Protein backbone atom coordinates (compact mmCIF):
# COMPACT_ATOMS: atom_id res chain seq x y z
CA SER A 1 0.00 0.00 0.00
CA ALA A 2 1.01 3.62 -0.34
CA PHE A 3 1.07 3.98 3.45
CA SER A 4 3.36 0.96 3.89
CA THR A 5 5.71 2.14 1.15
CA ARG A 6 5.92 5.61 2.64
CA ARG A 7 6.75 4.19 6.08
CA LYS A 8 9.56 2.04 4.66
CA ILE A 9 11.08 5.07 2.95
CA GLU A 10 10.82 7.12 6.14
CA LYS A 11 12.40 4.38 8.30
CA HIS A 12 15.09 3.22 5.87
CA ASP A 13 18.68 3.71 6.94
CA PRO A 14 20.47 4.78 3.75
CA THR A 15 23.88 4.59 5.41
CA ALA A 16 24.05 0.77 5.74
CA ASN A 17 24.02 -2.16 3.28
CA LEU A 18 22.61 -5.53 4.36
CA GLU A 19 25.03 -8.38 3.62
CA SER A 20 23.28 -11.32 5.28
CA LEU A 21 20.24 -12.21 7.35
CA VAL A 22 19.97 -15.27 9.62
CA TYR A 23 17.20 -16.46 11.96
CA THR A 24 18.26 -18.61 14.92
CA HIS A 25 15.90 -20.53 17.16
CA LEU A 26 16.99 -20.62 20.80
CA LYS A 27 15.83 -23.21 23.31
CA GLY A 28 13.00 -21.87 25.43
CA GLN A 29 12.34 -18.87 23.18
CA GLU A 30 9.42 -18.86 20.73
CA LYS A 31 10.59 -15.91 18.66
CA PRO A 32 13.85 -16.53 16.75
CA ILE A 33 16.85 -14.25 17.00
CA LYS A 34 17.09 -12.08 13.88
CA SER A 35 20.76 -11.50 13.05
CA MET A 36 21.78 -9.06 10.34
CA VAL A 37 25.32 -8.43 9.12
CA LEU A 38 25.55 -4.94 7.68
CA TYR A 39 28.18 -2.60 6.32
CA SER A 40 27.84 0.99 7.48
CA ASN A 41 28.97 3.45 4.82
CA ARG A 42 28.92 6.29 7.30
CA TYR A 43 31.21 4.58 9.80
CA ALA A 44 33.08 2.43 7.24
CA GLU A 45 32.54 -0.51 9.57
CA LYS A 46 30.89 -3.90 9.30
CA TYR A 47 28.66 -4.83 12.21
CA ARG A 48 26.16 -7.38 13.42
CA GLN A 49 22.75 -6.52 14.80
CA ASP A 50 20.92 -9.19 16.83
CA THR A 51 17.24 -8.84 17.75
CA ASN A 52 15.56 -10.11 20.08
CA PHE A 53 17.04 -11.92 23.05
CA ILE A 54 13.99 -12.67 25.22
CA VAL A 55 14.85 -13.35 28.88
CA PRO A 56 12.29 -14.32 31.56
CA THR A 57 12.14 -12.23 34.71
CA VAL A 58 9.28 -12.93 37.21
CA ASN A 59 5.52 -13.59 37.15
CA GLY A 60 5.48 -14.34 33.43
CA TYR A 61 7.18 -11.12 32.36
CA ASN A 62 10.26 -10.91 30.12
CA ILE A 63 12.92 -8.45 29.15
CA SER A 64 14.18 -8.12 25.59
CA LEU A 65 17.68 -7.12 24.43
CA LYS A 66 19.10 -6.02 21.09
CA ARG A 67 22.84 -6.14 20.37
CA TYR A 68 25.12 -4.04 18.17
CA LEU A 69 28.45 -5.82 17.66
CA PRO A 70 31.11 -4.05 15.56
CA GLU A 71 33.63 -6.05 13.55
CA HIS A 72 36.48 -4.22 15.27
CA LEU A 73 36.18 -4.00 19.06
CA ASN A 74 38.21 -1.44 20.99
CA GLY A 75 39.94 -3.99 23.23
CA GLN A 76 38.35 -2.81 26.46
CA ASP A 77 36.88 -5.29 28.93
CA ARG A 78 33.67 -3.31 28.99
CA ILE A 79 30.32 -3.61 27.26
CA ILE A 80 27.48 -1.11 27.26
CA LEU A 81 23.85 -1.56 28.29
CA MET A 82 21.33 1.16 27.35
CA LEU A 83 17.90 1.69 28.93
CA PRO A 84 15.13 3.92 27.53
CA GLY A 85 12.93 6.08 29.71
CA PHE A 86 9.32 6.92 30.47
CA PHE A 87 6.86 6.02 27.64
CA CYS A 88 9.75 5.03 25.34
CA ASN A 89 11.08 1.72 24.06
CA ARG A 90 14.69 0.93 23.24
CA SER A 91 14.46 2.47 19.75
CA ILE A 92 15.12 5.87 21.36
CA MET A 93 18.66 4.62 22.11
CA ASP A 94 19.45 3.34 18.59
CA ARG A 95 21.36 6.40 17.38
CA LEU A 96 23.55 6.56 20.47
CA ALA A 97 24.00 2.77 20.44
CA LYS A 98 25.31 2.86 16.87
CA GLU A 99 27.62 5.75 17.69
CA MET A 100 29.14 3.99 20.69
CA SER A 101 29.42 0.69 18.81
CA LEU A 102 30.53 1.66 15.30
CA GLU A 103 32.52 4.80 16.10
CA HIS A 104 33.97 3.81 19.48
CA GLY A 105 34.14 0.02 19.24
CA TYR A 106 31.90 -1.24 22.05
CA ALA A 107 29.51 -4.17 22.07
CA VAL A 108 26.25 -2.37 22.91
CA PHE A 109 22.98 -3.80 24.15
CA THR A 110 19.70 -1.89 24.28
CA LEU A 111 17.05 -3.12 26.72
CA ASP A 112 13.26 -3.26 26.75
CA VAL A 113 11.99 -3.84 30.27
CA ARG A 114 8.56 -5.38 30.82
CA GLY A 115 5.66 -3.79 28.96
CA ARG A 116 7.79 -2.23 26.23
CA SER A 117 6.76 -4.82 23.61
CA LYS A 118 4.38 -7.75 23.30
CA GLU A 119 7.30 -10.16 23.84
CA THR A 120 7.85 -8.73 27.33
CA LEU A 121 4.28 -9.31 28.58
CA PRO A 122 2.69 -12.48 29.98
CA ASN A 123 -0.19 -14.18 28.21
CA LYS A 124 -2.66 -13.32 30.94
CA TRP A 125 -4.01 -10.00 29.77
CA PHE A 126 -5.44 -9.06 33.15
CA ASN A 127 -1.95 -9.16 34.67
CA ASN A 128 -0.36 -6.91 32.06
CA TYR A 129 -0.27 -3.62 33.93
CA HIS A 130 0.47 -4.29 37.56
CA TRP A 131 4.05 -3.17 37.89
CA SER A 132 5.90 -0.12 39.19
CA VAL A 133 9.33 1.48 38.81
CA ASP A 134 10.40 -0.82 41.67
CA ASN A 135 9.81 -3.86 39.45
CA TYR A 136 12.07 -2.34 36.81
CA ILE A 137 14.75 -1.72 39.44
CA TRP A 138 14.68 -4.91 41.52
CA GLU A 139 13.54 -7.51 38.98
CA ASP A 140 14.09 -6.57 35.33
CA PHE A 141 17.44 -4.79 35.72
CA PRO A 142 19.25 -7.49 37.72
CA VAL A 143 17.97 -10.13 35.28
CA ALA A 144 19.65 -8.14 32.48
CA LEU A 145 22.88 -7.96 34.50
CA HIS A 146 22.88 -11.72 35.10
CA TRP A 147 22.22 -12.44 31.42
CA LEU A 148 25.03 -10.14 30.28
CA LYS A 149 27.39 -11.65 32.86
CA ASN A 150 26.71 -15.11 31.43
CA ALA A 151 26.80 -13.98 27.80
CA HIS A 152 30.04 -11.99 28.25
CA PRO A 153 31.96 -13.52 31.17
CA GLY A 154 34.72 -11.37 32.58
CA LYS A 155 33.33 -8.17 31.10
CA LYS A 156 32.27 -5.15 33.14
CA ILE A 157 29.23 -3.09 32.13
CA VAL A 158 28.74 0.63 31.67
CA VAL A 159 25.03 1.41 31.89
CA TYR A 160 23.52 4.29 29.92
CA GLY A 161 20.00 5.36 30.85
CA HIS A 162 17.79 8.04 29.37
CA SER A 163 15.39 9.76 31.79
CA MET A 164 13.71 7.03 33.87
CA GLY A 165 16.15 4.59 32.27
CA GLY A 166 18.90 6.34 34.24
CA MET A 167 16.94 6.10 37.47
CA ILE A 168 16.91 2.30 37.27
CA PRO A 169 20.69 1.63 37.51
CA LEU A 170 21.27 4.62 39.82
CA PHE A 171 18.60 3.61 42.32
CA TYR A 172 19.54 -0.08 42.15
CA SER A 173 23.21 0.65 42.78
CA ALA A 174 22.69 3.26 45.50
CA ALA A 175 20.06 1.36 47.49
CA TYR A 176 21.43 -2.15 46.97
CA ASP A 177 23.33 -2.56 50.25
CA LYS A 178 20.28 -1.62 52.28
CA PHE A 179 17.44 -3.06 50.20
CA GLY A 180 18.87 -5.12 47.33
CA LYS A 181 18.86 -8.64 48.74
CA LYS A 182 15.43 -8.23 50.28
CA ARG A 183 13.90 -6.76 47.14
CA SER A 184 15.62 -8.82 44.45
CA GLY A 185 15.95 -12.15 46.27
CA GLU A 186 17.60 -14.77 44.07
CA LEU A 187 17.89 -12.19 41.28
CA ALA A 188 20.19 -10.00 43.38
CA ILE A 189 23.62 -9.21 41.95
CA LYS A 190 25.98 -6.83 43.70
CA PRO A 191 26.24 -3.78 41.40
CA GLU A 192 29.92 -3.11 42.08
CA SER A 193 30.77 -6.64 40.94
CA ILE A 194 29.71 -5.94 37.36
CA ILE A 195 28.95 -2.22 36.80
CA ASP A 196 31.96 0.03 36.13
CA GLY A 197 30.00 3.23 35.53
CA ILE A 198 26.59 4.78 34.96
CA VAL A 199 25.77 7.44 32.34
CA SER A 200 22.43 9.10 33.07
CA ILE A 201 20.97 11.27 30.32
CA THR A 202 18.41 13.89 31.42
CA THR A 203 17.63 11.74 34.45
CA PRO A 204 15.85 13.61 37.24
CA ILE A 205 16.28 12.39 40.82
CA TYR A 206 12.90 13.87 41.69
CA ILE A 207 10.03 15.16 39.56
CA ARG A 208 9.46 18.85 38.96
CA ILE A 209 8.01 19.85 35.58
CA ALA A 210 9.08 23.23 34.22
CA ALA A 211 6.98 23.43 31.06
CA GLU A 212 5.19 26.75 30.68
CA SER A 213 1.79 25.61 29.50
CA THR A 214 -1.63 25.97 31.08
CA TRP A 215 -2.05 22.24 31.75
CA PHE A 216 1.34 21.81 33.37
CA ASN A 217 0.97 24.97 35.46
CA MET A 218 -2.43 23.88 36.75
CA PHE A 219 -1.08 20.46 37.67
CA ARG A 220 2.08 21.85 39.25
CA ASN A 221 0.15 24.36 41.37
CA SER A 222 -2.28 21.70 42.51
CA ALA A 223 0.57 19.39 43.42
CA LYS A 224 2.32 22.16 45.33
CA ALA A 225 -0.83 22.87 47.31
CA LEU A 226 -1.06 19.19 48.29
CA THR A 227 2.55 18.85 49.41
CA GLY A 228 2.64 18.20 53.13
CA ASN A 229 -1.14 18.07 53.37
CA ILE A 230 -2.48 15.32 55.62
CA LEU A 231 -4.83 14.31 52.79
CA ALA A 232 -2.04 13.82 50.24
CA GLU A 233 -1.20 10.20 51.11
CA PRO A 234 -4.82 8.92 51.20
CA LEU A 235 -5.46 10.78 47.94
CA MET A 236 -2.45 9.14 46.28
CA ARG A 237 -3.58 5.69 47.44
CA LEU A 238 -7.03 6.34 46.01
CA ILE A 239 -5.62 7.62 42.69
CA ASN A 240 -3.26 4.66 42.45
CA PHE A 241 -5.98 2.08 43.14
CA THR A 242 -8.50 3.72 40.82
CA LEU A 243 -6.14 4.19 37.87
CA THR A 244 -4.47 0.80 38.00
CA SER A 245 -7.79 -1.01 38.45
CA THR A 246 -9.70 0.75 35.68
CA ILE A 247 -7.11 1.87 33.09
CA GLY A 248 -4.06 -0.33 33.57
CA GLY A 249 -1.82 1.54 31.18
CA ILE A 250 -1.61 4.25 28.54
CA ASP A 251 -0.19 3.44 25.10
CA LEU A 252 1.02 6.48 23.11
CA ASN A 253 2.14 4.29 20.22
CA LYS A 254 -1.34 2.86 19.59
CA PHE A 255 -2.88 6.32 19.73
CA PHE A 256 -0.52 7.80 17.16
CA THR A 257 -0.62 4.71 14.93
CA PHE A 258 -4.42 4.94 14.87
CA LEU A 259 -4.23 8.63 14.07
CA HIS A 260 -1.77 8.08 11.22
CA ASN A 261 -3.60 5.15 9.69
CA ILE A 262 -6.63 7.31 8.97
CA SER A 263 -5.15 9.10 5.97
CA ALA A 264 -2.06 10.82 4.66
CA SER A 265 -3.63 14.21 5.34
CA ILE A 266 -4.07 13.33 9.02
CA ARG A 267 -0.40 12.32 9.24
CA THR A 268 0.68 15.68 7.90
CA MET A 269 -1.78 17.51 10.11
CA SER A 270 -0.72 15.60 13.23
CA PHE A 271 2.92 16.63 12.75
CA ASP A 272 1.88 20.22 12.14
CA VAL A 273 -0.42 20.33 15.17
CA THR A 274 1.55 18.30 17.70
CA TYR A 275 4.71 20.18 16.89
CA ARG A 276 2.89 23.30 18.08
CA LEU A 277 1.22 21.85 21.17
CA PRO A 278 3.38 23.07 24.07
CA THR A 279 3.32 19.84 26.08
CA LEU A 280 4.35 17.57 23.19
CA LYS A 281 6.85 20.06 21.80
CA GLU A 282 8.43 20.34 25.23
CA PHE A 283 8.49 16.56 25.54
CA ILE A 284 10.54 16.26 22.34
CA GLY A 285 12.48 19.40 23.12
CA TYR A 286 14.49 20.11 20.03
CA GLU A 287 13.66 22.60 17.33
CA GLN A 288 15.42 20.88 14.42
CA ILE A 289 13.04 17.91 14.33
CA THR A 290 11.84 16.86 10.86
CA PRO A 291 8.55 15.13 9.94
CA PRO A 292 10.20 11.68 9.47
CA GLU A 293 11.84 12.02 12.89
CA TRP A 294 8.50 13.00 14.40
CA TYR A 295 6.89 9.90 12.86
CA PHE A 296 9.79 7.86 14.29
CA PHE A 297 8.94 9.07 17.80
CA MET A 298 5.21 8.55 17.41
CA GLU A 299 5.22 5.19 15.68
CA ASP A 300 8.47 3.51 16.76
CA VAL A 301 9.48 5.00 20.13
CA PHE A 302 6.41 5.94 22.14
CA CYS A 303 4.95 2.91 23.87
CA GLU A 304 2.78 1.81 26.76
CA GLU A 305 3.39 2.70 30.40
CA SER A 306 1.85 1.13 33.48
CA MET A 307 -0.47 3.35 35.50
CA MET A 308 1.40 2.31 38.66
CA VAL A 309 4.56 3.79 37.14
CA ILE A 310 2.68 6.93 36.14
CA SER A 311 1.18 7.28 39.62
CA GLN A 312 4.67 6.90 41.13
CA PHE A 313 5.83 9.91 39.11
CA ILE A 314 2.71 11.84 40.13
CA ARG A 315 3.43 11.02 43.76
CA SER A 316 6.97 12.39 43.42
CA LEU A 317 5.53 15.62 42.02
CA ILE A 318 3.14 15.84 44.97
CA ASP A 319 5.59 14.74 47.67
CA GLY A 320 8.21 17.32 46.76
CA ASP A 321 11.90 16.80 46.04
CA ASN A 322 11.92 13.02 46.51
CA PHE A 323 11.28 9.89 44.48
CA THR A 324 10.15 6.93 46.59
CA SER A 325 9.25 3.28 46.14
CA ILE A 326 5.58 2.51 45.60
CA ASP A 327 5.27 1.40 49.25
CA LYS A 328 7.26 4.47 50.42
CA GLU A 329 9.78 2.25 52.21
CA ILE A 330 12.66 3.53 50.08
CA ASN A 331 13.49 7.17 49.43
CA TYR A 332 15.57 6.65 46.30
CA THR A 333 16.60 10.31 46.12
CA LEU A 334 18.19 10.18 49.58
CA GLU A 335 19.76 6.78 48.93
CA LEU A 336 21.73 8.28 46.02
CA ASN A 337 24.09 9.72 48.62
CA GLU A 338 25.33 6.14 49.10
CA LEU A 339 26.23 5.65 45.42
CA GLU A 340 29.84 4.53 45.01
CA ILE A 341 29.87 3.63 41.32
CA PRO A 342 31.22 6.43 39.04
CA HIS A 343 28.42 8.48 37.53
CA PHE A 344 28.43 10.67 34.39
CA THR A 345 25.50 13.12 34.47
CA VAL A 346 24.20 14.46 31.15
CA VAL A 347 22.05 17.60 31.40
CA GLY A 348 19.76 19.08 28.76
CA THR A 349 19.87 22.81 29.42
CA VAL A 350 16.53 23.48 27.70
CA ASP A 351 14.80 20.37 29.04
CA GLU A 352 11.39 21.26 30.44
CA ILE A 353 10.33 17.72 31.35
CA ALA A 354 13.42 16.99 33.47
CA PRO A 355 14.56 20.54 34.31
CA PRO A 356 18.33 20.98 34.67
CA GLU A 357 18.21 21.52 38.44
CA THR A 358 16.50 18.13 38.97
CA VAL A 359 19.24 16.44 36.92
CA ARG A 360 22.25 18.33 38.30
CA GLN A 361 21.32 17.20 41.80
CA GLY A 362 22.19 13.65 40.77
CA HIS A 363 25.75 14.73 40.08
CA LEU A 364 26.08 16.15 43.58
CA ALA A 365 25.08 12.81 45.14
CA GLY A 366 27.38 9.83 45.37
CA LYS A 367 30.89 9.20 46.65
CA SER A 368 33.02 8.52 43.58
CA PRO A 369 35.84 10.97 42.72
CA LYS A 370 35.28 10.00 39.06
CA ASN A 371 31.81 11.59 38.88
CA LYS A 372 31.45 13.99 35.96
CA ILE A 373 28.79 16.28 34.52
CA ALA A 374 28.30 17.66 31.00
CA GLU A 375 25.61 19.96 29.63
CA TYR A 376 24.17 20.21 26.11
CA LYS A 377 21.65 22.63 24.67
CA GLN A 378 18.87 20.13 23.99
CA GLY A 379 15.52 19.06 25.34
CA HIS A 380 14.29 15.82 26.84
CA LEU A 381 14.13 13.50 23.81
CA GLY A 382 16.15 15.61 21.41
CA ILE A 383 19.27 15.05 23.48
CA ALA A 384 19.16 11.33 22.63
CA THR A 385 18.32 11.77 18.94
CA HIS A 386 19.81 15.02 17.60
CA PRO A 387 22.79 13.76 15.51
CA GLU A 388 25.41 16.33 16.52
CA THR A 389 24.45 16.14 20.20
CA VAL A 390 24.54 12.33 20.16
CA ARG A 391 28.00 12.37 18.56
CA GLN A 392 29.32 14.73 21.22
CA ILE A 393 27.79 12.73 24.08
CA ALA A 394 29.44 9.63 22.64
CA ILE A 395 32.84 11.36 22.44
CA ASP A 396 32.58 12.73 25.97
CA THR A 397 31.34 9.54 27.60
CA ASP A 398 33.86 7.35 25.75
CA ALA A 399 36.69 9.52 27.08
CA TRP A 400 35.21 9.22 30.58
CA ILE A 401 34.88 5.43 30.32
CA ARG A 402 38.51 5.15 29.25
CA SER A 403 39.52 7.23 32.26
CA LEU A 404 37.92 4.78 34.71
CA PRO A 405 40.35 2.45 36.47
CA ALA A 406 40.20 -1.14 35.31
CA ASN A 407 38.10 -3.33 37.58
CA TYR A 408 36.98 -0.31 39.57
CA ILE A 409 35.69 -2.43 42.45
CA SER A 410 36.41 -6.14 42.55
């Protein structure tokens, strides 16, 4: 169809030539691994792309990993794991993953935690939405670490996380000594035994939205009025129960796919309109975005998010300058002071979803003398997709990784 042809043109990567395609069936995995060997004209490098490694976590959920493996590795005993953030799947990390792999020589994995694709959900539809950020931290993330440890024995990992994807390794590593064994059980893996460093990209350590739009201002003012109010906690419990019981989750991808399937004129109109809506424009956060890139966000990146996760972010906005576990037992923001693993903080100076002050605070926490911070003039999603910014982040973080002592903590 004309729609299908147009989408293929928009999504095609003209900088790589496919040399071979192989499907491999793995024991215990229904979907085969799709392995492509490609030659990148832009990087003048042959590489292998493997999709999807499906790994069980708990209660019928799975995680899914994609690998970029360059022909020429850089000789370091480090691999990279990248995690997307709120409402985004791992596609948001593709540009940075290719840069770190093909330009800087790392084996790079991108991760979908539960709910990011149909392969990561259990068959029981009524159980699809009952998870929180805590499940990402204490169940999905350590499963990924164990899998990588087995797949690449002797290698240390540098974890990159965008937005909420940066919270996951930071909170796991900082709170592990106090809560890790209890929360993760048999999945527990001591972070210092395998993680050499964490790169967090526009990752807030508490939620404070800075967007100057009517909707955000109304919500922010209401949240501020509730902070410290004796009714705040009962209200949050009611909101959490009501939303998770009746809605389950919100899927941005399905909404935009439906919108774009109506007609070509709607596709054009949706780019024109959503580009001008303050909340969506601020969510993307970079002015140079083109229509194909906008379609990429809407149809390939935006995905479903659990209402429990959403309510956890709402609670942080209401509670003030803290981000807590769903049961309020853990104050993750305060626990960051215990972080010993080196941390590279990436700030978007025009980010209105994760304002710079909420991100810079993460740099001030932690105990490592190797902590570093860098700032780029980009917004929340643009910082992970704008080509020049991505190239500079890759250069800066590669230099930082190379500066880390080998086997930082044994």
